[in-house]
PDB file of N, CA and C in Angstrom:
ATOM      1  N   UNK A   1     -24.912   2.449  23.735  1.00  0.00           N
ATOM      2  CA  UNK A   1     -23.868   1.792  22.953  1.00  0.00           C
ATOM      3  C   UNK A   1     -23.223   2.812  22.019  1.00  0.00           C
ATOM      4  N   UNK A   2     -21.933   2.715  21.847  1.00  0.00           N
ATOM      5  CA  UNK A   2     -21.186   3.679  21.039  1.00  0.00           C
ATOM      6  C   UNK A   2     -20.872   3.115  19.654  1.00  0.00           C
ATOM      7  N   UNK A   3     -20.783   4.010  18.682  1.00  0.00           N
ATOM      8  CA  UNK A   3     -20.455   3.610  17.314  1.00  0.00           C
ATOM      9  C   UNK A   3     -18.987   3.848  16.998  1.00  0.00           C
ATOM     10  N   UNK A   4     -18.209   4.226  18.001  1.00  0.00           N
ATOM     11  CA  UNK A   4     -16.796   4.495  17.758  1.00  0.00           C
ATOM     12  C   UNK A   4     -16.046   3.209  17.459  1.00  0.00           C
ATOM     13  N   UNK A   5     -15.044   3.350  16.605  1.00  0.00           N
ATOM     14  CA  UNK A   5     -14.197   2.205  16.264  1.00  0.00           C
ATOM     15  C   UNK A   5     -13.359   1.826  17.480  1.00  0.00           C
ATOM     16  N   UNK A   6     -12.997   0.553  17.592  1.00  0.00           N
ATOM     17  CA  UNK A   6     -12.109   0.162  18.686  1.00  0.00           C
ATOM     18  C   UNK A   6     -10.750   0.824  18.513  1.00  0.00           C
ATOM     19  N   UNK A   7     -10.043   0.980  19.610  1.00  0.00           N
ATOM     20  CA  UNK A   7      -8.719   1.593  19.562  1.00  0.00           C
ATOM     21  C   UNK A   7      -7.687   0.509  19.279  1.00  0.00           C
ATOM     22  N   UNK A   8      -6.884   0.752  18.243  1.00  0.00           N
ATOM     23  CA  UNK A   8      -5.807  -0.165  17.878  1.00  0.00           C
ATOM     24  C   UNK A   8      -4.493   0.421  18.387  1.00  0.00           C
ATOM     25  N   UNK A   9      -3.611  -0.419  18.893  1.00  0.00           N
ATOM     26  CA  UNK A   9      -2.286   0.043  19.298  1.00  0.00           C
ATOM     27  C   UNK A   9      -1.379   0.148  18.075  1.00  0.00           C
ATOM     28  N   UNK A  10      -0.620   1.237  18.000  1.00  0.00           N
ATOM     29  CA  UNK A  10       0.315   1.457  16.900  1.00  0.00           C
ATOM     30  C   UNK A  10       1.696   1.738  17.483  1.00  0.00           C
ATOM     31  N   UNK A  11       2.525   0.701  17.637  1.00  0.00           N
ATOM     32  CA  UNK A  11       3.867   0.888  18.201  1.00  0.00           C
ATOM     33  C   UNK A  11       4.746   1.733  17.281  1.00  0.00           C
ATOM     34  N   UNK A  12       5.426   2.714  17.877  1.00  0.00           N
ATOM     35  CA  UNK A  12       6.293   3.594  17.083  1.00  0.00           C
ATOM     36  C   UNK A  12       7.771   3.349  17.356  1.00  0.00           C
ATOM     37  N   UNK A  13       8.082   2.540  18.359  1.00  0.00           N
ATOM     38  CA  UNK A  13       9.470   2.227  18.649  1.00  0.00           C
ATOM     39  C   UNK A  13      10.233   3.349  19.316  1.00  0.00           C
ATOM     40  N   UNK A  14       9.520   4.237  19.992  1.00  0.00           N
ATOM     41  CA  UNK A  14      10.181   5.346  20.676  1.00  0.00           C
ATOM     42  C   UNK A  14       9.207   6.056  21.582  1.00  0.00           C
ATOM     43  N   UNK A  15       9.564   7.295  21.947  1.00  0.00           N
ATOM     44  CA  UNK A  15       8.731   8.056  22.877  1.00  0.00           C
ATOM     45  C   UNK A  15       7.794   9.049  22.204  1.00  0.00           C
ATOM     46  N   UNK A  16       8.088   9.440  20.976  1.00  0.00           N
ATOM     47  CA  UNK A  16       7.267  10.442  20.311  1.00  0.00           C
ATOM     48  C   UNK A  16       7.456  10.402  18.812  1.00  0.00           C
ATOM     49  N   UNK A  17       6.504  11.026  18.113  1.00  0.00           N
ATOM     50  CA  UNK A  17       6.525  11.080  16.653  1.00  0.00           C
ATOM     51  C   UNK A  17       5.623  12.237  16.230  1.00  0.00           C
ATOM     52  N   UNK A  18       5.906  12.826  15.108  1.00  0.00           N
ATOM     53  CA  UNK A  18       5.060  13.912  14.605  1.00  0.00           C
ATOM     54  C   UNK A  18       3.823  13.326  13.915  1.00  0.00           C
ATOM     55  N   UNK A  19       2.745  14.094  13.957  1.00  0.00           N
ATOM     56  CA  UNK A  19       1.459  13.619  13.433  1.00  0.00           C
ATOM     57  C   UNK A  19       1.563  13.172  11.980  1.00  0.00           C
ATOM     58  N   UNK A  20       2.177  13.974  11.131  1.00  0.00           N
ATOM     59  CA  UNK A  20       2.300  13.612   9.722  1.00  0.00           C
ATOM     60  C   UNK A  20       3.062  12.321   9.521  1.00  0.00           C
ATOM     61  N   UNK A  21       4.143  12.164  10.273  1.00  0.00           N
ATOM     62  CA  UNK A  21       4.935  10.939  10.184  1.00  0.00           C
ATOM     63  C   UNK A  21       4.119   9.739  10.670  1.00  0.00           C
ATOM     64  N   UNK A  22       3.370   9.927  11.745  1.00  0.00           N
ATOM     65  CA  UNK A  22       2.592   8.842  12.315  1.00  0.00           C
ATOM     66  C   UNK A  22       1.545   8.321  11.328  1.00  0.00           C
ATOM     67  N   UNK A  23       0.878   9.218  10.624  1.00  0.00           N
ATOM     68  CA  UNK A  23      -0.157   8.797   9.680  1.00  0.00           C
ATOM     69  C   UNK A  23       0.414   7.895   8.596  1.00  0.00           C
ATOM     70  N   UNK A  24       1.636   8.191   8.143  1.00  0.00           N
ATOM     71  CA  UNK A  24       2.287   7.327   7.153  1.00  0.00           C
ATOM     72  C   UNK A  24       2.824   6.063   7.799  1.00  0.00           C
ATOM     73  N   UNK A  25       3.493   6.193   8.926  1.00  0.00           N
ATOM     74  CA  UNK A  25       4.095   5.054   9.625  1.00  0.00           C
ATOM     75  C   UNK A  25       3.049   4.002   9.994  1.00  0.00           C
ATOM     76  N   UNK A  26       1.878   4.459  10.419  1.00  0.00           N
ATOM     77  CA  UNK A  26       0.811   3.545  10.835  1.00  0.00           C
ATOM     78  C   UNK A  26       0.032   2.983   9.649  1.00  0.00           C
ATOM     79  N   UNK A  27       0.352   3.448   8.437  1.00  0.00           N
ATOM     80  CA  UNK A  27      -0.311   2.926   7.246  1.00  0.00           C
ATOM     81  C   UNK A  27      -1.673   3.527   6.974  1.00  0.00           C
ATOM     82  N   UNK A  28      -1.988   4.648   7.617  1.00  0.00           N
ATOM     83  CA  UNK A  28      -3.285   5.289   7.373  1.00  0.00           C
ATOM     84  C   UNK A  28      -3.288   6.045   6.054  1.00  0.00           C
ATOM     85  N   UNK A  29      -2.145   6.596   5.681  1.00  0.00           N
ATOM     86  CA  UNK A  29      -1.997   7.309   4.417  1.00  0.00           C
ATOM     87  C   UNK A  29      -0.655   6.937   3.794  1.00  0.00           C
ATOM     88  N   UNK A  30      -0.574   7.059   2.474  1.00  0.00           N
ATOM     89  CA  UNK A  30       0.612   6.590   1.762  1.00  0.00           C
ATOM     90  C   UNK A  30       1.659   7.652   1.480  1.00  0.00           C
ATOM     91  N   UNK A  31       1.236   8.894   1.311  1.00  0.00           N
ATOM     92  CA  UNK A  31       2.205   9.905   0.885  1.00  0.00           C
ATOM     93  C   UNK A  31       2.084  11.170   1.725  1.00  0.00           C
ATOM     94  N   UNK A  32       3.145  11.967   1.673  1.00  0.00           N
ATOM     95  CA  UNK A  32       3.129  13.245   2.366  1.00  0.00           C
ATOM     96  C   UNK A  32       2.040  14.167   1.850  1.00  0.00           C
ATOM     97  N   UNK A  33       1.775  14.100   0.551  1.00  0.00           N
ATOM     98  CA  UNK A  33       0.703  14.917  -0.031  1.00  0.00           C
ATOM     99  C   UNK A  33      -0.656  14.526   0.510  1.00  0.00           C
ATOM    100  N   UNK A  34      -0.890  13.219   0.630  1.00  0.00           N
ATOM    101  CA  UNK A  34      -2.156  12.745   1.191  1.00  0.00           C
ATOM    102  C   UNK A  34      -2.304  13.178   2.648  1.00  0.00           C
ATOM    103  N   UNK A  35      -1.194  13.109   3.388  1.00  0.00           N
ATOM    104  CA  UNK A  35      -1.198  13.532   4.791  1.00  0.00           C
ATOM    105  C   UNK A  35      -1.570  15.006   4.881  1.00  0.00           C
ATOM    106  N   UNK A  36      -0.894  15.828   4.078  1.00  0.00           N
ATOM    107  CA  UNK A  36      -1.153  17.269   4.097  1.00  0.00           C
ATOM    108  C   UNK A  36      -2.617  17.560   3.776  1.00  0.00           C
ATOM    109  N   UNK A  37      -3.160  16.917   2.751  1.00  0.00           N
ATOM    110  CA  UNK A  37      -4.552  17.139   2.360  1.00  0.00           C
ATOM    111  C   UNK A  37      -5.522  16.745   3.467  1.00  0.00           C
ATOM    112  N   UNK A  38      -5.303  15.580   4.087  1.00  0.00           N
ATOM    113  CA  UNK A  38      -6.209  15.092   5.128  1.00  0.00           C
ATOM    114  C   UNK A  38      -6.177  16.000   6.356  1.00  0.00           C
ATOM    115  N   UNK A  39      -4.977  16.422   6.749  1.00  0.00           N
ATOM    116  CA  UNK A  39      -4.857  17.280   7.923  1.00  0.00           C
ATOM    117  C   UNK A  39      -5.456  18.652   7.645  1.00  0.00           C
ATOM    118  N   UNK A  40      -5.154  19.226   6.482  1.00  0.00           N
ATOM    119  CA  UNK A  40      -5.683  20.542   6.118  1.00  0.00           C
ATOM    120  C   UNK A  40      -7.206  20.526   6.049  1.00  0.00           C
ATOM    121  N   UNK A  41      -7.774  19.420   5.578  1.00  0.00           N
ATOM    122  CA  UNK A  41      -9.236  19.300   5.458  1.00  0.00           C
ATOM    123  C   UNK A  41      -9.921  19.089   6.802  1.00  0.00           C
ATOM    124  N   UNK A  42      -9.140  18.868   7.859  1.00  0.00           N
ATOM    125  CA  UNK A  42      -9.736  18.648   9.174  1.00  0.00           C
ATOM    126  C   UNK A  42     -10.240  17.234   9.370  1.00  0.00           C
ATOM    127  N   UNK A  43      -9.681  16.292   8.619  1.00  0.00           N
ATOM    128  CA  UNK A  43     -10.124  14.896   8.691  1.00  0.00           C
ATOM    129  C   UNK A  43      -9.390  14.088   9.761  1.00  0.00           C
ATOM    130  N   UNK A  44      -8.430  14.707  10.450  1.00  0.00           N
ATOM    131  CA  UNK A  44      -7.614  13.996  11.438  1.00  0.00           C
ATOM    132  C   UNK A  44      -7.859  14.609  12.818  1.00  0.00           C
ATOM    133  N   UNK A  45      -8.080  13.744  13.804  1.00  0.00           N
ATOM    134  CA  UNK A  45      -8.270  14.216  15.176  1.00  0.00           C
ATOM    135  C   UNK A  45      -7.232  13.554  16.085  1.00  0.00           C
ATOM    136  N   UNK A  46      -6.801  14.300  17.082  1.00  0.00           N
ATOM    137  CA  UNK A  46      -5.902  13.783  18.108  1.00  0.00           C
ATOM    138  C   UNK A  46      -6.618  13.939  19.441  1.00  0.00           C
ATOM    139  N   UNK A  47      -6.787  12.835  20.125  1.00  0.00           N
ATOM    140  CA  UNK A  47      -7.483  12.827  21.411  1.00  0.00           C
ATOM    141  C   UNK A  47      -8.861  13.487  21.313  1.00  0.00           C
ATOM    142  N   UNK A  48      -9.547  13.211  20.185  1.00  0.00           N
ATOM    143  CA  UNK A  48     -10.918  13.671  20.004  1.00  0.00           C
ATOM    144  C   UNK A  48     -11.079  15.076  19.466  1.00  0.00           C
ATOM    145  N   UNK A  49      -9.978  15.786  19.211  1.00  0.00           N
ATOM    146  CA  UNK A  49     -10.056  17.145  18.691  1.00  0.00           C
ATOM    147  C   UNK A  49      -9.315  17.248  17.357  1.00  0.00           C
ATOM    148  N   UNK A  50      -9.967  17.894  16.380  1.00  0.00           N
ATOM    149  CA  UNK A  50      -9.340  18.090  15.075  1.00  0.00           C
ATOM    150  C   UNK A  50      -8.046  18.866  15.261  1.00  0.00           C
ATOM    151  N   UNK A  51      -7.000  18.403  14.601  1.00  0.00           N
ATOM    152  CA  UNK A  51      -5.705  19.088  14.666  1.00  0.00           C
ATOM    153  C   UNK A  51      -5.191  19.260  13.250  1.00  0.00           C
ATOM    154  N   UNK A  52      -4.873  20.491  12.879  1.00  0.00           N
ATOM    155  CA  UNK A  52      -4.422  20.799  11.519  1.00  0.00           C
ATOM    156  C   UNK A  52      -2.919  21.063  11.449  1.00  0.00           C
ATOM    157  N   UNK A  53      -2.164  20.501  12.397  1.00  0.00           N
ATOM    158  CA  UNK A  53      -0.714  20.709  12.423  1.00  0.00           C
ATOM    159  C   UNK A  53       0.004  19.397  12.124  1.00  0.00           C
ATOM    160  N   UNK A  54       0.588  19.293  10.933  1.00  0.00           N
ATOM    161  CA  UNK A  54       1.340  18.082  10.575  1.00  0.00           C
ATOM    162  C   UNK A  54       2.487  17.840  11.533  1.00  0.00           C
ATOM    163  N   UNK A  55       3.072  18.919  12.032  1.00  0.00           N
ATOM    164  CA  UNK A  55       4.232  18.816  12.900  1.00  0.00           C
ATOM    165  C   UNK A  55       3.903  18.624  14.371  1.00  0.00           C
ATOM    166  N   UNK A  56       2.628  18.471  14.705  1.00  0.00           N
ATOM    167  CA  UNK A  56       2.275  18.273  16.106  1.00  0.00           C
ATOM    168  C   UNK A  56       3.018  17.066  16.658  1.00  0.00           C
ATOM    169  N   UNK A  57       3.651  17.241  17.796  1.00  0.00           N
ATOM    170  CA  UNK A  57       4.388  16.149  18.430  1.00  0.00           C
ATOM    171  C   UNK A  57       3.407  15.276  19.203  1.00  0.00           C
ATOM    172  N   UNK A  58       3.293  14.015  18.795  1.00  0.00           N
ATOM    173  CA  UNK A  58       2.466  13.062  19.516  1.00  0.00           C
ATOM    174  C   UNK A  58       3.300  12.422  20.606  1.00  0.00           C
ATOM    175  N   UNK A  59       2.652  12.057  21.689  1.00  0.00           N
ATOM    176  CA  UNK A  59       3.327  11.371  22.780  1.00  0.00           C
ATOM    177  C   UNK A  59       2.618  10.049  23.034  1.00  0.00           C
ATOM    178  N   UNK A  60       3.285   9.176  23.760  1.00  0.00           N
ATOM    179  CA  UNK A  60       2.701   7.874  24.062  1.00  0.00           C
ATOM    180  C   UNK A  60       1.338   8.057  24.718  1.00  0.00           C
ATOM    181  N   UNK A  61       0.377   7.292  24.249  1.00  0.00           N
ATOM    182  CA  UNK A  61      -0.975   7.359  24.783  1.00  0.00           C
ATOM    183  C   UNK A  61      -1.925   8.207  23.971  1.00  0.00           C
ATOM    184  N   UNK A  62      -1.395   9.099  23.107  1.00  0.00           N
ATOM    185  CA  UNK A  62      -2.279   9.895  22.247  1.00  0.00           C
ATOM    186  C   UNK A  62      -3.067   8.966  21.337  1.00  0.00           C
ATOM    187  N   UNK A  63      -4.303   9.367  21.027  1.00  0.00           N
ATOM    188  CA  UNK A  63      -5.153   8.578  20.126  1.00  0.00           C
ATOM    189  C   UNK A  63      -5.442   9.411  18.887  1.00  0.00           C
ATOM    190  N   UNK A  64      -5.053   8.874  17.732  1.00  0.00           N
ATOM    191  CA  UNK A  64      -5.241   9.548  16.449  1.00  0.00           C
ATOM    192  C   UNK A  64      -6.411   8.884  15.731  1.00  0.00           C
ATOM    193  N   UNK A  65      -7.355   9.719  15.278  1.00  0.00           N
ATOM    194  CA  UNK A  65      -8.531   9.215  14.563  1.00  0.00           C
ATOM    195  C   UNK A  65      -8.498   9.707  13.129  1.00  0.00           C
ATOM    196  N   UNK A  66      -8.752   8.772  12.211  1.00  0.00           N
ATOM    197  CA  UNK A  66      -8.809   9.115  10.791  1.00  0.00           C
ATOM    198  C   UNK A  66      -9.563   8.032  10.052  1.00  0.00           C
ATOM    199  N   UNK A  67     -10.475   8.421   9.194  1.00  0.00           N
ATOM    200  CA  UNK A  67     -11.169   7.511   8.291  1.00  0.00           C
ATOM    201  C   UNK A  67     -11.799   6.314   9.029  1.00  0.00           C
ATOM    202  N   UNK A  68     -12.428   6.604  10.167  1.00  0.00           N
ATOM    203  CA  UNK A  68     -13.117   5.543  10.908  1.00  0.00           C
ATOM    204  C   UNK A  68     -12.242   4.672  11.762  1.00  0.00           C
ATOM    205  N   UNK A  69     -10.952   4.972  11.828  1.00  0.00           N
ATOM    206  CA  UNK A  69     -10.026   4.173  12.654  1.00  0.00           C
ATOM    207  C   UNK A  69      -9.477   5.033  13.781  1.00  0.00           C
ATOM    208  N   UNK A  70      -9.154   4.394  14.898  1.00  0.00           N
ATOM    209  CA  UNK A  70      -8.539   5.072  16.036  1.00  0.00           C
ATOM    210  C   UNK A  70      -7.306   4.296  16.447  1.00  0.00           C
ATOM    211  N   UNK A  71      -6.156   4.992  16.465  1.00  0.00           N
ATOM    212  CA  UNK A  71      -4.900   4.329  16.817  1.00  0.00           C
ATOM    213  C   UNK A  71      -4.246   5.031  17.998  1.00  0.00           C
ATOM    214  N   UNK A  72      -3.779   4.217  18.946  1.00  0.00           N
ATOM    215  CA  UNK A  72      -3.076   4.734  20.124  1.00  0.00           C
ATOM    216  C   UNK A  72      -1.581   4.663  19.875  1.00  0.00           C
ATOM    217  N   UNK A  73      -0.888   5.770  20.140  1.00  0.00           N
ATOM    218  CA  UNK A  73       0.566   5.813  20.012  1.00  0.00           C
ATOM    219  C   UNK A  73       1.168   5.009  21.166  1.00  0.00           C
ATOM    220  N   UNK A  74       1.912   3.966  20.838  1.00  0.00           N
ATOM    221  CA  UNK A  74       2.527   3.074  21.824  1.00  0.00           C
ATOM    222  C   UNK A  74       4.027   2.964  21.565  1.00  0.00           C
ATOM    223  N   UNK A  75       4.796   2.600  22.617  1.00  0.00           N
ATOM    224  CA  UNK A  75       6.253   2.469  22.443  1.00  0.00           C
ATOM    225  C   UNK A  75       6.627   1.299  21.541  1.00  0.00           C
TER     226      UNK A  75
END
């Protein structure tokens, strides 16, 4: 049995979004400063791997993990 959180769908209304924007848009973080701190600290993973690039382009189907939550980028 796995302890991973269930994957929640997070519709973005398009085909892609940058990681920093997604964290705010999905309600995981409130400000750009919080986003920068979380990403720099290595607290954010994309598809199971830590990513320290706020500008990383996410595509549909990517799964972003932060603070015990997992969200799938959806149209």
